[in-house]
Protein backbone atom coordinates (compact mmCIF):
# COMPACT_ATOMS: atom_id res chain seq x y z
CA UNK A 1 5.54 9.72 28.49
CA UNK A 2 1.84 9.58 29.34
CA UNK A 3 -1.20 8.32 27.49
CA UNK A 4 -2.02 11.82 26.20
CA UNK A 5 1.57 12.61 25.11
CA UNK A 6 2.26 13.19 21.43
CA UNK A 7 4.56 10.48 20.10
CA UNK A 8 5.85 8.98 16.88
CA UNK A 9 4.38 5.69 15.65
CA UNK A 10 5.55 3.42 12.87
CA UNK A 11 2.97 0.98 11.51
CA UNK A 12 4.75 -1.90 9.78
CA UNK A 13 3.23 -3.60 6.75
CA UNK A 14 4.36 -5.85 3.95
CA UNK A 15 6.13 -3.80 1.26
CA UNK A 16 3.62 -2.86 -1.41
CA UNK A 17 0.75 -2.29 1.03
CA UNK A 18 1.85 1.16 2.24
CA UNK A 19 -0.68 3.21 0.27
CA UNK A 20 -3.60 0.96 1.18
CA UNK A 21 -2.49 1.00 4.84
CA UNK A 22 -2.45 4.80 4.81
CA UNK A 23 -6.02 4.79 3.51
CA UNK A 24 -7.03 2.31 6.20
CA UNK A 25 -5.54 4.47 8.98
CA UNK A 26 -7.54 7.45 7.69
CA UNK A 27 -10.72 5.37 7.59
CA UNK A 28 -10.52 4.10 11.16
CA UNK A 29 -9.18 7.31 12.70
CA UNK A 30 -12.67 8.75 13.50
CA UNK A 31 -13.59 5.53 15.31
CA UNK A 32 -10.89 5.82 18.00
CA UNK A 33 -11.77 6.96 21.50
CA UNK A 34 -10.51 9.72 23.76
CA UNK A 35 -9.28 8.82 27.23
CA UNK A 36 -12.80 9.31 28.61
CA UNK A 37 -14.07 6.61 26.19
CA UNK A 38 -15.94 9.18 24.10
CA UNK A 39 -15.31 10.28 20.53
CA UNK A 40 -11.99 12.09 20.19
CA UNK A 41 -11.47 15.44 18.45
CA UNK A 42 -7.91 15.12 17.15
CA UNK A 43 -7.40 15.83 13.44
CA UNK A 44 -6.14 13.20 11.04
CA UNK A 45 -2.37 12.79 11.48
CA UNK A 46 0.01 13.58 8.66
CA UNK A 47 1.03 10.20 7.30
CA UNK A 48 4.46 9.55 5.82
CA UNK A 49 4.82 6.43 3.73
CA UNK A 50 8.15 4.62 3.98
CA UNK A 51 9.20 1.28 2.53
CA UNK A 52 7.46 -1.31 4.68
CA UNK A 53 5.25 0.99 6.72
CA UNK A 54 3.67 4.32 7.62
CA UNK A 55 5.06 6.89 10.07
CA UNK A 56 2.98 9.51 11.91
CA UNK A 57 2.62 11.50 15.13
CA UNK A 58 -0.39 11.24 17.42
CA UNK A 59 -1.49 11.06 21.02
CA UNK A 60 -0.26 7.81 22.52
CA UNK A 61 -3.71 6.55 23.49
CA UNK A 62 -4.96 6.98 19.90
CA UNK A 63 -2.00 5.34 18.21
CA UNK A 64 -2.25 2.33 20.51
CA UNK A 65 -5.91 1.73 19.62
CA UNK A 66 -5.04 1.22 15.97
CA UNK A 67 -4.04 -2.32 16.97
CA UNK A 68 -7.72 -3.16 17.32
CA UNK A 69 -8.75 -2.06 13.84
CA UNK A 70 -5.97 -2.25 11.25
CA UNK A 71 -6.28 -5.33 9.03
CA UNK A 72 -3.28 -4.60 6.79
CA UNK A 73 -0.69 -3.88 9.48
CA UNK A 74 1.92 -6.36 10.70
CA UNK A 75 2.66 -4.58 13.97
CA UNK A 76 2.74 -1.08 15.46
CA UNK A 77 5.88 0.40 17.00
CA UNK A 78 5.93 3.30 19.44
CA UNK A 79 9.08 5.39 19.04
CA UNK A 80 10.84 6.02 22.36
CA UNK A 81 14.00 7.81 21.24
CA UNK A 82 16.04 8.84 18.20
CA UNK A 83 19.68 9.91 18.43
CA UNK A 84 23.08 9.79 16.75
CA UNK A 85 25.94 7.68 18.05
CA UNK A 86 29.27 7.04 16.32
CA UNK A 87 30.93 4.98 19.05
CA UNK A 88 29.79 2.50 21.66
CA UNK A 89 30.51 4.79 24.62
CA UNK A 90 28.21 7.42 23.13
CA UNK A 91 25.60 4.77 22.42
CA UNK A 92 25.52 3.72 26.07
CA UNK A 93 25.25 7.35 27.20
CA UNK A 94 22.31 7.91 24.88
CA UNK A 95 20.61 4.72 26.04
CA UNK A 96 20.86 5.94 29.64
CA UNK A 97 18.40 8.68 28.65
CA UNK A 98 15.87 6.20 27.31
CA UNK A 99 13.37 5.42 30.05
CA UNK A 100 11.00 2.47 29.86
CA UNK A 101 9.03 3.25 33.00
CA UNK A 102 5.90 4.44 31.17
CA UNK A 103 5.76 1.49 28.77
CA UNK A 104 7.23 -1.87 29.79
CA UNK A 105 8.24 -0.69 33.26
CA UNK A 106 10.39 -3.36 34.88
CA UNK A 107 9.00 -6.18 32.73
CA UNK A 108 11.44 -8.32 30.72
CA UNK A 109 11.75 -7.75 26.99
CA UNK A 110 13.48 -9.32 24.01
CA UNK A 111 15.54 -7.36 21.48
CA UNK A 112 15.37 -6.92 17.73
CA UNK A 113 18.48 -5.19 16.41
CA UNK A 114 19.21 -4.07 12.85
CA UNK A 115 22.26 -2.03 11.80
CA UNK A 116 23.40 -0.93 8.35
CA UNK A 117 25.48 1.85 6.79
CA UNK A 118 26.62 2.88 10.26
CA UNK A 119 29.98 3.04 12.01
CA UNK A 120 28.43 0.71 14.58
CA UNK A 121 27.49 -2.11 12.24
CA UNK A 122 28.39 -4.86 14.71
CA UNK A 123 24.98 -6.02 15.94
CA UNK A 124 26.52 -8.29 18.57
CA UNK A 125 28.35 -5.36 20.16
CA UNK A 126 25.20 -3.24 20.02
CA UNK A 127 23.39 -6.07 21.78
CA UNK A 128 26.10 -6.15 24.47
CA UNK A 129 25.75 -2.40 25.12
CA UNK A 130 21.96 -2.70 25.41
CA UNK A 131 22.29 -5.68 27.73
CA UNK A 132 24.64 -3.64 29.92
CA UNK A 133 22.08 -0.80 29.98
CA UNK A 134 19.12 -3.01 30.94
CA UNK A 135 20.91 -5.99 32.44
CA UNK A 136 17.95 -7.36 34.38
CA UNK A 137 15.31 -6.92 31.70
CA UNK A 138 16.78 -8.31 28.46
CA UNK A 139 15.39 -11.84 28.24
CA UNK A 140 15.27 -13.88 25.00
CA UNK A 141 11.74 -14.90 23.98
CA UNK A 142 10.08 -12.47 26.40
CA UNK A 143 6.53 -11.53 25.31
CA UNK A 144 7.47 -7.84 25.11
CA UNK A 145 9.95 -6.58 22.49
CA UNK A 146 12.23 -3.59 22.01
CA UNK A 147 13.36 -2.66 18.49
CA UNK A 148 16.70 -0.92 17.97
CA UNK A 149 17.63 0.20 14.46
CA UNK A 150 20.86 1.90 13.39
CA UNK A 151 21.15 3.49 9.96
CA UNK A 152 23.83 6.00 8.98
CA UNK A 153 24.74 6.43 12.68
CA UNK A 154 21.14 7.37 13.49
CA UNK A 155 19.59 5.12 16.16
CA UNK A 156 15.88 4.59 16.68
CA UNK A 157 14.60 2.83 19.80
CA UNK A 158 10.99 1.62 19.65
CA UNK A 159 8.74 -0.54 21.76
CA UNK A 160 6.38 -3.04 20.18
CA UNK A 161 2.74 -2.32 21.01
CA UNK A 162 1.21 -5.33 19.26
CA UNK A 163 2.79 -8.51 20.63
CA UNK A 164 2.09 -11.37 18.26
CA UNK A 165 2.09 -10.44 14.60
CA UNK A 166 -1.21 -8.72 13.80
CA UNK A 167 -2.12 -11.27 11.14
CA UNK A 168 -2.89 -13.56 14.09
CA UNK A 169 -6.51 -12.54 14.53
CA UNK A 170 -7.06 -14.85 17.50
CA UNK A 171 -5.09 -15.91 20.55
CA UNK A 172 -4.76 -19.48 19.30
CA UNK A 173 -3.68 -20.98 15.97
CA UNK A 174 -6.65 -22.09 13.88
CA UNK A 175 -7.00 -24.40 10.87
CA UNK A 176 -7.26 -21.39 8.57
CA UNK A 177 -3.66 -20.47 9.40
CA UNK A 178 -2.10 -23.90 9.00
CA UNK A 179 -3.18 -25.01 5.54
CA UNK A 180 -0.84 -26.32 2.86
CA UNK A 181 -0.54 -22.92 1.16
CA UNK A 182 -2.20 -20.42 3.49
CA UNK A 183 -2.76 -16.80 2.50
CA UNK A 184 -1.81 -14.52 5.36
CA UNK A 185 -4.81 -12.67 6.75
CA UNK A 186 -3.27 -9.25 6.09
CA UNK A 187 -2.96 -10.14 2.39
CA UNK A 188 -6.52 -11.46 2.30
CA UNK A 189 -7.68 -8.13 3.71
CA UNK A 190 -5.63 -6.30 1.05
CA UNK A 191 -7.22 -8.36 -1.73
CA UNK A 192 -10.70 -7.64 -0.37
CA UNK A 193 -10.01 -3.89 -0.31
CA UNK A 194 -8.93 -4.03 -3.93
CA UNK A 195 -12.00 -6.05 -4.87
CA UNK A 196 -14.39 -3.66 -3.13
CA UNK A 197 -12.82 -0.52 -4.59
CA UNK A 198 -15.20 2.41 -4.18
CA UNK A 199 -18.33 0.30 -3.62
CA UNK A 200 -19.96 1.36 -0.35
CA UNK A 201 -20.49 -0.99 2.58
CA UNK A 202 -24.23 -0.49 2.20
CA UNK A 203 -24.17 -1.55 -1.45
CA UNK A 204 -22.30 -4.72 -0.51
CA UNK A 205 -25.52 -5.97 1.11
CA UNK A 206 -26.68 -6.92 -2.37
CA UNK A 207 -23.49 -8.86 -3.21
CA UNK A 208 -22.72 -12.57 -2.82
CA UNK A 209 -18.98 -13.14 -2.36
CA UNK A 210 -17.80 -16.57 -3.51
CA UNK A 211 -14.37 -18.12 -3.05
CA UNK A 212 -14.37 -21.23 -5.29
CA UNK A 213 -10.94 -22.36 -4.05
CA UNK A 214 -11.47 -21.48 -0.43
CA UNK A 215 -8.84 -23.68 1.24
CA UNK A 216 -9.10 -22.62 4.87
CA UNK A 217 -11.40 -19.66 4.17
CA UNK A 218 -9.11 -16.67 4.77
CA UNK A 219 -10.94 -14.41 2.31
CA UNK A 220 -14.34 -15.15 3.76
CA UNK A 221 -13.26 -14.82 7.38
CA UNK A 222 -11.76 -11.42 6.60
CA UNK A 223 -14.88 -10.39 4.69
CA UNK A 224 -17.06 -11.44 7.64
CA UNK A 225 -15.07 -9.49 10.23
CA UNK A 226 -14.63 -6.39 8.08
CA UNK A 227 -13.19 -3.52 10.11
CA UNK A 228 -15.29 -4.14 13.20
CA UNK A 229 -12.32 -4.57 15.52
CA UNK A 230 -10.28 -7.54 16.65
CA UNK A 231 -11.03 -8.34 20.28
CA UNK A 232 -10.16 -12.04 20.25
CA UNK A 233 -6.53 -11.64 21.32
CA UNK A 234 -4.24 -9.64 23.62
CA UNK A 235 -1.87 -6.83 22.66
CA UNK A 236 1.41 -5.82 24.27
CA UNK A 237 0.27 -2.26 24.93
CA UNK A 238 -2.46 -3.55 27.25
CA UNK A 239 0.34 -4.35 29.71
CA UNK A 240 2.07 -0.96 29.47
CA UNK A 241 2.18 0.97 32.71
CA UNK A 242 0.65 4.02 31.02
CA UNK A 243 -2.34 2.07 29.68
CA UNK A 244 -5.55 2.78 31.54
CA UNK A 245 -7.88 0.04 32.77
CA UNK A 246 -10.36 0.86 30.01
CA UNK A 247 -8.06 -0.64 27.38
CA UNK A 248 -7.11 -3.62 29.53
CA UNK A 249 -10.69 -4.80 29.96
CA UNK A 250 -12.14 -7.72 28.03
CA UNK A 251 -15.28 -5.59 27.69
CA UNK A 252 -13.50 -2.87 25.73
CA UNK A 253 -15.48 -3.53 22.54
CA UNK A 254 -18.62 -2.27 24.25
CA UNK A 255 -17.14 1.22 24.12
CA UNK A 256 -17.01 1.02 20.32
CA UNK A 257 -20.69 0.19 19.80
CA UNK A 258 -21.20 2.70 16.98
CA UNK A 259 -18.15 1.34 15.16
CA UNK A 260 -19.36 -2.24 15.47
CA UNK A 261 -22.70 -1.28 13.91
CA UNK A 262 -21.22 0.53 10.90
CA UNK A 263 -17.95 -1.22 10.10
CA UNK A 264 -18.70 -4.93 10.03
CA UNK A 265 -19.03 -6.77 6.74
CA UNK A 266 -22.09 -5.88 4.70
CA UNK A 267 -21.79 -8.65 2.10
CA UNK A 268 -25.22 -10.10 1.61
CA UNK A 269 -23.91 -13.66 1.42
CA UNK A 270 -20.57 -15.44 1.82
CA UNK A 271 -19.95 -18.77 0.05
CA UNK A 272 -16.96 -21.13 0.16
CA UNK A 273 -16.33 -24.08 -2.10
CA UNK A 274 -13.38 -26.35 -2.90
CA UNK A 275 -12.65 -29.83 -4.20
CA UNK A 276 -11.59 -30.69 -0.65
CA UNK A 277 -13.23 -29.05 2.35
CA UNK A 278 -11.38 -30.70 5.24
CA UNK A 279 -9.74 -27.47 6.42
CA UNK A 280 -13.10 -25.74 6.55
CA UNK A 281 -14.76 -28.68 8.29
CA UNK A 282 -12.21 -28.49 11.13
CA UNK A 283 -13.47 -25.02 12.04
CA UNK A 284 -16.45 -24.17 14.21
CA UNK A 285 -19.18 -21.56 13.84
CA UNK A 286 -18.40 -20.76 10.21
CA UNK A 287 -20.08 -17.50 9.11
CA UNK A 288 -20.38 -18.73 5.52
CA UNK A 289 -21.81 -21.71 3.65
CA UNK A 290 -19.48 -24.50 2.47
CA UNK A 291 -19.85 -26.62 -0.66
CA UNK A 292 -17.65 -29.39 -2.02
CA UNK A 293 -17.36 -28.49 -5.70
CA UNK A 294 -14.82 -28.14 -8.48
CA UNK A 295 -14.68 -24.78 -10.27
CA UNK A 296 -15.28 -26.78 -13.47
CA UNK A 297 -18.62 -28.02 -12.19
CA UNK A 298 -20.89 -25.90 -14.39
CA UNK A 299 -23.99 -26.90 -12.47
CA UNK A 300 -22.81 -25.07 -9.36
CA UNK A 301 -23.13 -21.31 -9.06
CA UNK A 302 -24.05 -19.55 -5.81
CA UNK A 303 -27.46 -17.87 -6.01
CA UNK A 304 -27.74 -14.11 -6.12
CA UNK A 305 -28.21 -11.37 -8.67
CA UNK A 306 -24.81 -9.81 -7.96
CA UNK A 307 -22.03 -12.40 -7.71
CA UNK A 308 -18.40 -11.50 -6.99
CA UNK A 309 -15.63 -14.10 -7.17
CA UNK A 310 -12.31 -13.87 -5.32
CA UNK A 311 -9.79 -16.71 -5.44
CA UNK A 312 -6.18 -17.56 -4.64
CA UNK A 313 -5.73 -20.65 -6.85
CA UNK A 314 -2.73 -23.00 -6.75
CA UNK A 315 0.25 -21.66 -8.70
CA UNK A 316 1.50 -25.17 -9.65
CA UNK A 317 4.39 -24.77 -7.22
CA UNK A 318 3.57 -25.95 -3.71
CA UNK A 319 0.14 -27.06 -4.90
CA UNK A 320 -0.96 -28.27 -8.33
CA UNK A 321 -4.02 -26.83 -10.02
CA UNK A 322 -4.59 -29.96 -12.10
CA UNK A 323 -5.62 -28.12 -15.27
CA UNK A 324 -4.39 -25.10 -17.24
CA UNK A 325 -4.54 -21.51 -16.00
CA UNK A 326 -6.33 -20.60 -19.22
CA UNK A 327 -9.02 -23.17 -18.45
CA UNK A 328 -9.40 -21.59 -15.00
CA UNK A 329 -10.06 -18.24 -16.67
CA UNK A 330 -12.65 -19.80 -18.97
CA UNK A 331 -14.48 -21.54 -16.13
CA UNK A 332 -14.59 -18.40 -14.02
CA UNK A 333 -15.96 -16.41 -16.96
CA UNK A 334 -18.74 -18.95 -17.44
CA UNK A 335 -20.05 -18.13 -13.95
CA UNK A 336 -21.06 -14.68 -15.27
CA UNK A 337 -20.05 -12.83 -12.12
CA UNK A 338 -20.17 -9.05 -11.86
CA UNK A 339 -16.58 -8.89 -10.58
CA UNK A 340 -13.88 -11.54 -10.66
CA UNK A 341 -10.45 -11.34 -9.03
CA UNK A 342 -7.64 -13.88 -8.78
CA UNK A 343 -4.11 -13.88 -7.38
CA UNK A 344 -1.42 -15.40 -9.61
CA UNK A 345 2.28 -15.01 -10.40
CA UNK A 346 2.70 -12.28 -13.07
CA UNK A 347 3.74 -14.72 -15.81
CA UNK A 348 0.41 -16.56 -15.46
CA UNK A 349 -1.88 -13.52 -15.45
CA UNK A 350 -2.01 -13.16 -19.25
CA UNK A 351 -2.89 -16.85 -19.70
CA UNK A 352 -5.71 -16.55 -17.17
CA UNK A 353 -7.09 -13.38 -18.77
CA UNK A 354 -6.87 -14.88 -22.26
CA UNK A 355 -9.08 -17.72 -21.07
CA UNK A 356 -11.48 -15.35 -19.34
CA UNK A 357 -11.76 -13.01 -22.29
CA UNK A 358 -12.28 -15.94 -24.64
CA UNK A 359 -15.66 -16.38 -22.95
CA UNK A 360 -16.40 -12.81 -21.86
CA UNK A 361 -15.12 -10.80 -24.81
CA UNK A 362 -16.17 -7.47 -23.28
CA UNK A 363 -14.30 -8.07 -20.03
CA UNK A 364 -12.38 -5.07 -18.71
CA UNK A 365 -9.44 -5.01 -16.32
CA UNK A 366 -10.28 -2.75 -13.36
CA UNK A 367 -6.90 -3.08 -11.68
CA UNK A 368 -3.71 -5.07 -11.15
CA UNK A 369 -2.11 -5.08 -7.70
CA UNK A 370 1.38 -6.55 -7.22
CA UNK A 371 2.64 -7.92 -3.89
CA UNK A 372 4.47 -10.95 -2.50
CA UNK A 373 2.83 -14.05 -1.11
CA UNK A 374 5.26 -16.13 0.94
CA UNK A 375 8.15 -14.40 -0.82
CA UNK A 376 6.76 -15.19 -4.28
CA UNK A 377 5.93 -12.20 -6.54
CA UNK A 378 2.23 -12.30 -7.41
CA UNK A 379 -0.45 -10.00 -8.78
CA UNK A 380 -4.11 -9.64 -8.04
CA UNK A 381 -6.06 -8.94 -11.22
CA UNK A 382 -9.59 -7.54 -11.00
CA UNK A 383 -11.94 -7.74 -13.98
CA UNK A 384 -15.58 -7.01 -14.67
């Protein structure tokens, strides 16, 4: 395999985000670079949505670059081989034909094995066969990872191109990822996409985005970075033997200058508030203003003709809201925002909307988007 080979990729996402992820791949596809660091000419790949991700074929060097831009993806796998095996002898023979020289080379890697509905359902025995095949390279907790999946006797061997989960936007943990009830960055990006809808990036310049229960600021950080590329961390593919120096360099973002000009956030203003702001105060160089305020404080409303509100309030499980969900809806309606969106468990949505509509009788629901937050079923409701 070389950088210009055509290969299969599987972009993993949280179940429920597959359609939005497909749209995101299509959006960023024109921004990727050819091997000479100029605009590429490959057509959009045919995307196949599966549960928990999107599958497609593309040139290796294009598929790898998606790591820089996708905000909804968890990680990106590069398929190395697919084959059938109904016994362990056959499995070893097939693995002998899988060559890692162009990707991880001789570097150590850890294994992720999943087997179901297959004659070879014993994951420990599969692990033993793989360890026999690559005896010197299989190392628990290695930074590189190989994924082996068996389903109905069909094996798929993939190499991880991302490294750390893609919701880690930076190399180091930050206060915004260690709050009491943090919203994963990929889910914050999903909520922002739903909020924006078909409104253009240019039009967003006239919008003030306010998170009145900001916590550690995940929504506002995601809104600030937009789709301009994540250069603050390393990716596994940068250590592949087939990866050219261009994509190993810390100066890589300079080659995407046009993208950086057109894809960053165009919100006119970003505002955070909360009853406690200690998680925000721990962070440096905040790209948004911070105010200590309760949503029920009717004297506080961010300035701006076009106000949008996006919030992930406490669900009265890990954190207590301290007042009724219906009251929350009423208080948000009193802010007279152009768009309002909250994330709540489904059984609380009607109470919130009843409160909202009690103040704004003409309010319309623009969309409801179900997903899971920390394993808990929730919905994002968007009203105007």
